[in-house]
Amino acid sequence: MTYYLLSEAQVSTTMRICSLLPSTTEIVCALGLKENLVGITHECDYPQEISDVQVVTKSLIDHSGSSSQEINRHISEALHSGSGIYAIDNESLEFTNPDLILTQELCEVCAVSYSQVEESVRTLSGNQTVLSFEPSNIGGILDSIIRIGKQTNAESNAKTLVNKSHERIDAVRSKSSDSLRKPRVLGLEWLEPPFIGGHWVPEMIEIAGGSPALGEKEAPSREITWEQALASSPEIIVLMVCGFDLKRTVEEFNLLSESEFWKRYGGEIYAVDGSAYFSRPGPRIIDGIEILGEIIHPGIFQRTKEPNAWMKIN
């Protein structure tokens, strides 16, 4: 499962790019600009070829071995105290000497805040261009690709990638429309407490031939109660936990599977690699739509995704 569609030889630029988002790191590489990446975040883990790029951020909270409930508590306490969740290593950032910095203002839980970036940029010598991305739907995600392409002399590659993405989206929409059945699907972005997937997730569910049980298109993810989840009558629940791969999602579910909600719920339960295919507003969101098609309409979509992309739990 790869989106490396474009050759690095097609792009001619000496621009030095620092990406402070895993999603924009993936976009930069998908446009054939991996060699222009001089700085990334501690959470950038795809594609594998970026392992030698300078890391310029760190997490101030150690999440290793923590449950979703513990992580939620740690983050809430940090935000309430104003101590922050992430930090930029200004010395490392200065060392990368970037021309272009890619960041966001959408979610202070997901990445370094825009105010942190502004503060760090003021310490740098030279002139830097800062681009901020706040997509709330799939169209916005594809627009991000075009914006980066225009800024980096890779507009042709960006248009090619976006066109191929539209073709894949249209293919899923067309195939899913063959079924009159639109099962109610609940996408859970967090498990304890439960959060429903927002922004682009309801749109992904609709394209794949489902009906979002909760959540509105383009609205932020939000906390719900388990009673609200049950009252929404989902036929399918997809565990798309933010920042968790498939293995960790299944482990987290197993910790909670004896709770009252999961004992009462009688529908289908699936786990996915939320970090790769649902949380990051980048090229692999299209893979996420295809995964949902395979989950929601297995009689229409033949499974093509790797075993570590998704699995049925019950």
Protein backbone atom coordinates (compact mmCIF):
# COMPACT_ATOMS: atom_id res chain seq x y z
CA MET A 1 0.00 0.00 0.00
CA THR A 2 1.96 2.94 -1.26
CA TYR A 3 1.29 6.31 -2.77
CA TYR A 4 4.74 6.80 -4.28
CA LEU A 5 3.38 7.70 -7.70
CA LEU A 6 5.85 10.38 -8.67
CA SER A 7 9.54 10.46 -9.47
CA GLU A 8 11.91 12.73 -7.59
CA ALA A 9 13.58 13.47 -10.92
CA GLN A 10 10.44 15.28 -12.05
CA VAL A 11 10.91 18.04 -9.47
CA SER A 12 13.59 20.72 -9.62
CA THR A 13 13.88 22.75 -6.43
CA THR A 14 16.54 23.53 -3.84
CA MET A 15 13.96 24.46 -1.22
CA ARG A 16 14.70 23.19 2.28
CA ILE A 17 11.47 21.95 3.86
CA CYS A 18 10.72 21.41 7.54
CA SER A 19 7.47 19.53 8.10
CA LEU A 20 5.91 19.77 11.55
CA LEU A 21 3.08 17.38 10.71
CA PRO A 22 3.15 13.68 9.80
CA SER A 23 0.51 14.37 7.12
CA THR A 24 2.52 17.08 5.37
CA THR A 25 5.64 14.92 5.59
CA GLU A 26 3.73 12.25 3.68
CA ILE A 27 2.54 14.81 1.13
CA VAL A 28 6.06 16.14 0.58
CA CYS A 29 7.38 12.63 -0.04
CA ALA A 30 4.44 11.73 -2.28
CA LEU A 31 5.32 14.74 -4.44
CA GLY A 32 8.87 13.45 -4.94
CA LEU A 33 10.44 15.93 -2.53
CA LYS A 34 11.89 13.61 0.08
CA GLU A 35 15.41 14.87 -0.58
CA ASN A 36 14.23 18.40 0.23
CA LEU A 37 13.04 17.40 3.71
CA VAL A 38 15.49 18.74 6.28
CA GLY A 39 13.30 18.53 9.41
CA ILE A 40 10.39 16.42 10.66
CA THR A 41 8.56 15.69 13.92
CA HIS A 42 9.09 12.85 16.36
CA GLU A 43 5.76 11.38 15.16
CA CYS A 44 6.69 11.29 11.46
CA ASP A 45 7.12 7.58 10.69
CA TYR A 46 6.12 7.23 7.04
CA PRO A 47 7.57 6.57 4.54
CA GLN A 48 10.48 4.59 5.95
CA GLU A 49 12.95 6.58 3.86
CA ILE A 50 12.63 9.60 6.19
CA SER A 51 14.39 7.82 9.07
CA ASP A 52 17.58 9.82 8.45
CA VAL A 53 15.88 13.25 8.53
CA GLN A 54 16.54 15.58 11.49
CA VAL A 55 13.81 15.42 14.16
CA VAL A 56 12.98 18.88 15.54
CA THR A 57 10.16 18.18 18.04
CA LYS A 58 9.54 16.01 21.07
CA SER A 59 6.62 14.96 23.23
CA LEU A 60 6.52 16.26 26.79
CA ILE A 61 4.33 13.33 27.85
CA ASP A 62 5.48 9.71 27.82
CA HIS A 63 2.59 7.67 26.40
CA SER A 64 4.41 4.35 26.17
CA GLY A 65 2.50 1.62 27.95
CA SER A 66 -0.37 3.95 28.89
CA SER A 67 -4.03 3.14 28.31
CA SER A 68 -6.28 5.50 26.36
CA GLN A 69 -7.84 6.63 29.65
CA GLU A 70 -4.42 7.43 31.13
CA ILE A 71 -3.30 9.26 27.98
CA ASN A 72 -6.49 11.33 27.97
CA ARG A 73 -5.92 12.29 31.61
CA HIS A 74 -2.29 13.26 31.01
CA ILE A 75 -3.20 15.42 28.03
CA SER A 76 -6.11 17.09 29.83
CA GLU A 77 -3.91 17.91 32.81
CA ALA A 78 -1.17 19.33 30.59
CA LEU A 79 -3.58 21.51 28.62
CA HIS A 80 -5.33 22.69 31.80
CA SER A 81 -2.03 23.66 33.41
CA GLY A 82 -0.81 25.39 30.25
CA SER A 83 2.38 23.31 30.21
CA GLY A 84 1.83 22.03 26.67
CA ILE A 85 2.15 18.60 25.10
CA TYR A 86 4.93 19.10 22.55
CA ALA A 87 8.08 21.15 22.27
CA ILE A 88 10.18 22.39 19.37
CA ASP A 89 13.93 21.96 19.63
CA ASN A 90 14.96 25.42 18.45
CA GLU A 91 18.60 24.44 18.13
CA SER A 92 17.71 21.54 15.82
CA LEU A 93 15.31 23.75 13.88
CA GLU A 94 18.03 26.37 13.40
CA PHE A 95 20.41 23.64 12.24
CA THR A 96 18.01 22.56 9.48
CA ASN A 97 18.01 26.12 8.07
CA PRO A 98 14.56 25.73 6.48
CA ASP A 99 13.11 27.84 3.68
CA LEU A 100 9.60 26.43 4.13
CA ILE A 101 7.91 25.32 7.37
CA LEU A 102 4.68 23.31 7.24
CA THR A 103 2.43 23.40 10.32
CA GLN A 104 -1.20 23.48 11.50
CA GLU A 105 -3.77 25.26 13.65
CA LEU A 106 -6.39 22.51 13.63
CA CYS A 107 -5.62 20.58 16.82
CA GLU A 108 -3.27 21.35 19.70
CA VAL A 109 -3.44 17.71 20.79
CA CYS A 110 -2.21 16.40 17.43
CA ALA A 111 0.93 18.48 16.87
CA VAL A 112 2.88 21.52 17.99
CA SER A 113 0.68 24.60 18.12
CA TYR A 114 0.90 27.44 15.62
CA SER A 115 1.87 29.85 18.39
CA GLN A 116 4.83 27.62 19.26
CA VAL A 117 5.90 27.64 15.63
CA GLU A 118 5.63 31.44 15.45
CA GLU A 119 7.76 31.78 18.57
CA SER A 120 10.42 29.43 17.21
CA VAL A 121 10.51 31.07 13.78
CA ARG A 122 11.31 34.41 15.42
CA THR A 123 14.56 32.88 16.68
CA LEU A 124 15.70 31.85 13.20
CA SER A 125 17.98 33.80 10.92
CA GLY A 126 16.99 34.42 7.32
CA ASN A 127 13.50 34.42 5.85
CA GLN A 128 11.15 31.47 6.16
CA THR A 129 7.75 30.87 4.62
CA VAL A 130 5.27 29.26 7.02
CA LEU A 131 2.26 27.42 5.60
CA SER A 132 -0.52 26.32 7.97
CA PHE A 133 -3.05 23.61 7.15
CA GLU A 134 -6.49 23.14 8.70
CA PRO A 135 -8.45 20.78 6.43
CA SER A 136 -11.86 19.72 7.72
CA ASN A 137 -12.92 17.56 4.78
CA ILE A 138 -11.47 15.48 1.98
CA GLY A 139 -11.53 18.39 -0.43
CA GLY A 140 -9.44 20.37 2.04
CA ILE A 141 -6.94 17.52 2.30
CA LEU A 142 -6.52 17.44 -1.47
CA ASP A 143 -6.22 21.23 -1.51
CA SER A 144 -3.31 20.88 0.93
CA ILE A 145 -1.51 18.77 -1.65
CA ILE A 146 -2.02 21.45 -4.30
CA ARG A 147 -0.85 24.23 -1.94
CA ILE A 148 2.37 22.40 -1.13
CA GLY A 149 2.90 21.61 -4.80
CA LYS A 150 2.54 25.26 -5.79
CA GLN A 151 4.92 26.39 -3.06
CA THR A 152 7.61 23.85 -3.95
CA ASN A 153 7.65 23.91 -7.76
CA ALA A 154 5.90 20.53 -7.79
CA GLU A 155 2.47 21.67 -8.95
CA SER A 156 2.35 19.19 -11.82
CA ASN A 157 3.07 16.30 -9.47
CA ALA A 158 0.48 17.62 -7.03
CA LYS A 159 -2.19 17.75 -9.72
CA THR A 160 -1.33 14.20 -10.78
CA LEU A 161 -1.60 12.93 -7.21
CA VAL A 162 -4.90 14.74 -6.63
CA ASN A 163 -6.36 13.44 -9.90
CA LYS A 164 -5.39 9.87 -9.00
CA SER A 165 -6.92 10.38 -5.55
CA HIS A 166 -10.19 11.57 -7.11
CA GLU A 167 -10.21 8.51 -9.37
CA ARG A 168 -9.85 6.19 -6.38
CA ILE A 169 -12.54 8.05 -4.42
CA ASP A 170 -14.93 7.90 -7.37
CA ALA A 171 -14.24 4.18 -7.78
CA VAL A 172 -15.22 3.49 -4.16
CA ARG A 173 -18.29 5.72 -4.39
CA SER A 174 -19.42 4.02 -7.60
CA LYS A 175 -18.98 0.49 -6.27
CA SER A 176 -20.62 1.21 -2.91
CA SER A 177 -23.63 2.73 -4.68
CA ASP A 178 -24.39 -0.73 -6.10
CA SER A 179 -25.74 -1.65 -2.68
CA LEU A 180 -29.05 -0.28 -1.45
CA ARG A 181 -27.94 -1.08 2.09
CA LYS A 182 -26.32 1.80 3.97
CA PRO A 183 -25.40 0.34 7.38
CA ARG A 184 -25.05 2.70 10.31
CA VAL A 185 -21.34 3.03 11.09
CA LEU A 186 -19.84 4.49 14.26
CA GLY A 187 -16.21 5.56 13.93
CA LEU A 188 -14.50 5.87 17.32
CA GLU A 189 -11.40 8.05 17.40
CA TRP A 190 -10.76 7.35 21.08
CA LEU A 191 -11.96 4.59 23.40
CA GLU A 192 -11.80 5.82 26.98
CA PRO A 193 -13.51 8.19 27.11
CA PRO A 194 -15.17 7.54 23.75
CA PHE A 195 -14.72 10.17 21.03
CA ILE A 196 -16.43 9.99 17.65
CA GLY A 197 -14.38 10.65 14.54
CA GLY A 198 -15.03 14.10 13.12
CA HIS A 199 -13.87 16.37 10.30
CA TRP A 200 -13.41 14.09 7.27
CA VAL A 201 -14.41 10.78 8.92
CA PRO A 202 -18.21 11.00 8.37
CA GLU A 203 -17.53 11.86 4.72
CA MET A 204 -15.25 8.83 4.41
CA ILE A 205 -18.00 6.61 5.80
CA GLU A 206 -20.55 7.99 3.34
CA ILE A 207 -18.27 7.53 0.32
CA ALA A 208 -17.68 3.91 1.37
CA GLY A 209 -21.42 3.26 1.42
CA GLY A 210 -22.25 3.67 5.08
CA SER A 211 -24.35 6.07 7.13
CA PRO A 212 -22.54 7.86 9.99
CA ALA A 213 -24.26 6.83 13.23
CA LEU A 214 -22.94 9.91 15.02
CA GLY A 215 -20.87 12.86 13.93
CA GLU A 216 -21.34 15.59 11.38
CA LYS A 217 -19.21 16.21 8.33
CA GLU A 218 -16.50 18.83 8.92
CA ALA A 219 -17.32 19.11 12.65
CA PRO A 220 -14.51 18.35 15.12
CA SER A 221 -14.35 15.01 16.88
CA ARG A 222 -16.08 15.12 20.23
CA GLU A 223 -16.52 13.14 23.40
CA ILE A 224 -19.70 11.11 23.79
CA THR A 225 -21.08 8.73 26.40
CA TRP A 226 -21.36 5.00 25.90
CA GLU A 227 -25.13 5.39 26.27
CA GLN A 228 -25.13 7.82 23.35
CA ALA A 229 -23.10 5.35 21.34
CA LEU A 230 -25.61 2.58 22.06
CA ALA A 231 -28.58 4.86 21.35
CA SER A 232 -27.18 5.67 17.90
CA SER A 233 -27.86 2.02 16.96
CA PRO A 234 -24.68 1.34 14.99
CA GLU A 235 -24.58 -1.84 12.96
CA ILE A 236 -20.81 -1.52 12.59
CA ILE A 237 -18.28 0.05 14.94
CA VAL A 238 -14.85 0.92 13.55
CA LEU A 239 -12.09 1.54 16.10
CA MET A 240 -9.90 4.17 14.41
CA VAL A 241 -7.95 5.35 17.43
CA CYS A 242 -5.91 8.50 16.86
CA GLY A 243 -2.20 7.75 16.97
CA PHE A 244 -2.64 3.97 17.42
CA ASP A 245 -1.70 1.31 14.89
CA LEU A 246 -3.78 -1.85 14.50
CA LYS A 247 -1.89 -3.87 17.11
CA ARG A 248 -2.17 -1.22 19.80
CA THR A 249 -5.84 -0.61 19.00
CA VAL A 250 -6.65 -4.29 19.49
CA GLU A 251 -4.67 -4.34 22.74
CA GLU A 252 -6.62 -1.32 24.00
CA PHE A 253 -9.94 -2.89 23.03
CA ASN A 254 -9.05 -6.06 24.91
CA LEU A 255 -8.56 -3.99 28.07
CA LEU A 256 -12.09 -2.60 27.72
CA SER A 257 -13.95 -5.53 26.17
CA GLU A 258 -15.52 -6.62 29.46
CA SER A 259 -17.12 -3.23 30.04
CA GLU A 260 -20.91 -2.91 30.04
CA PHE A 261 -21.14 -1.30 26.61
CA TRP A 262 -19.22 -3.98 24.77
CA LYS A 263 -21.21 -6.70 26.54
CA ARG A 264 -24.47 -5.08 25.40
CA TYR A 265 -23.41 -4.21 21.87
CA GLY A 266 -24.44 -6.87 19.36
CA GLY A 267 -23.12 -5.51 16.07
CA GLU A 268 -19.88 -5.93 14.17
CA ILE A 269 -16.61 -4.53 15.53
CA TYR A 270 -13.55 -3.75 13.41
CA ALA A 271 -10.16 -2.31 14.31
CA VAL A 272 -8.00 -0.34 11.88
CA ASP A 273 -4.63 1.37 11.81
CA GLY A 274 -6.06 4.75 12.74
CA SER A 275 -2.72 6.52 12.77
CA ALA A 276 -1.92 5.61 9.17
CA TYR A 277 -5.28 5.80 7.44
CA PHE A 278 -7.70 8.00 9.39
CA SER A 279 -6.01 10.50 11.73
CA ARG A 280 -3.59 12.13 9.30
CA PRO A 281 -5.06 14.42 6.63
CA GLY A 282 -2.71 13.27 3.89
CA PRO A 283 -2.61 10.94 0.86
CA ARG A 284 -3.34 7.76 2.84
CA ILE A 285 -6.81 9.02 3.76
CA ILE A 286 -7.77 7.55 0.37
CA ASP A 287 -6.56 4.15 1.59
CA GLY A 288 -8.80 4.71 4.62
CA ILE A 289 -11.83 5.16 2.37
CA GLU A 290 -10.96 1.94 0.55
CA ILE A 291 -10.56 0.14 3.89
CA LEU A 292 -14.03 1.29 4.95
CA GLY A 293 -15.42 -0.03 1.67
CA GLU A 294 -13.92 -3.46 2.41
CA ILE A 295 -15.37 -3.38 5.94
CA ILE A 296 -18.84 -2.04 5.17
CA HIS A 297 -19.52 -3.93 1.93
CA PRO A 298 -17.37 -7.09 1.87
CA GLY A 299 -19.65 -8.57 -0.78
CA ILE A 300 -18.77 -5.75 -3.17
CA PHE A 301 -15.16 -4.92 -2.29
CA GLN A 302 -12.51 -7.61 -2.47
CA ARG A 303 -9.95 -7.22 0.28
CA THR A 304 -6.73 -5.72 -1.09
CA LYS A 305 -5.25 -4.13 2.03
CA GLU A 306 -2.49 -5.66 4.14
CA PRO A 307 -3.34 -7.66 7.29
CA ASN A 308 -1.95 -4.86 9.48
CA ALA A 309 -4.40 -2.33 7.97
CA TRP A 310 -7.62 -3.69 9.50
CA MET A 311 -9.24 -6.71 11.10
CA LYS A 312 -12.58 -7.88 12.40
CA ILE A 313 -12.58 -8.28 16.16
CA ASN A 314 -15.83 -10.14 16.87
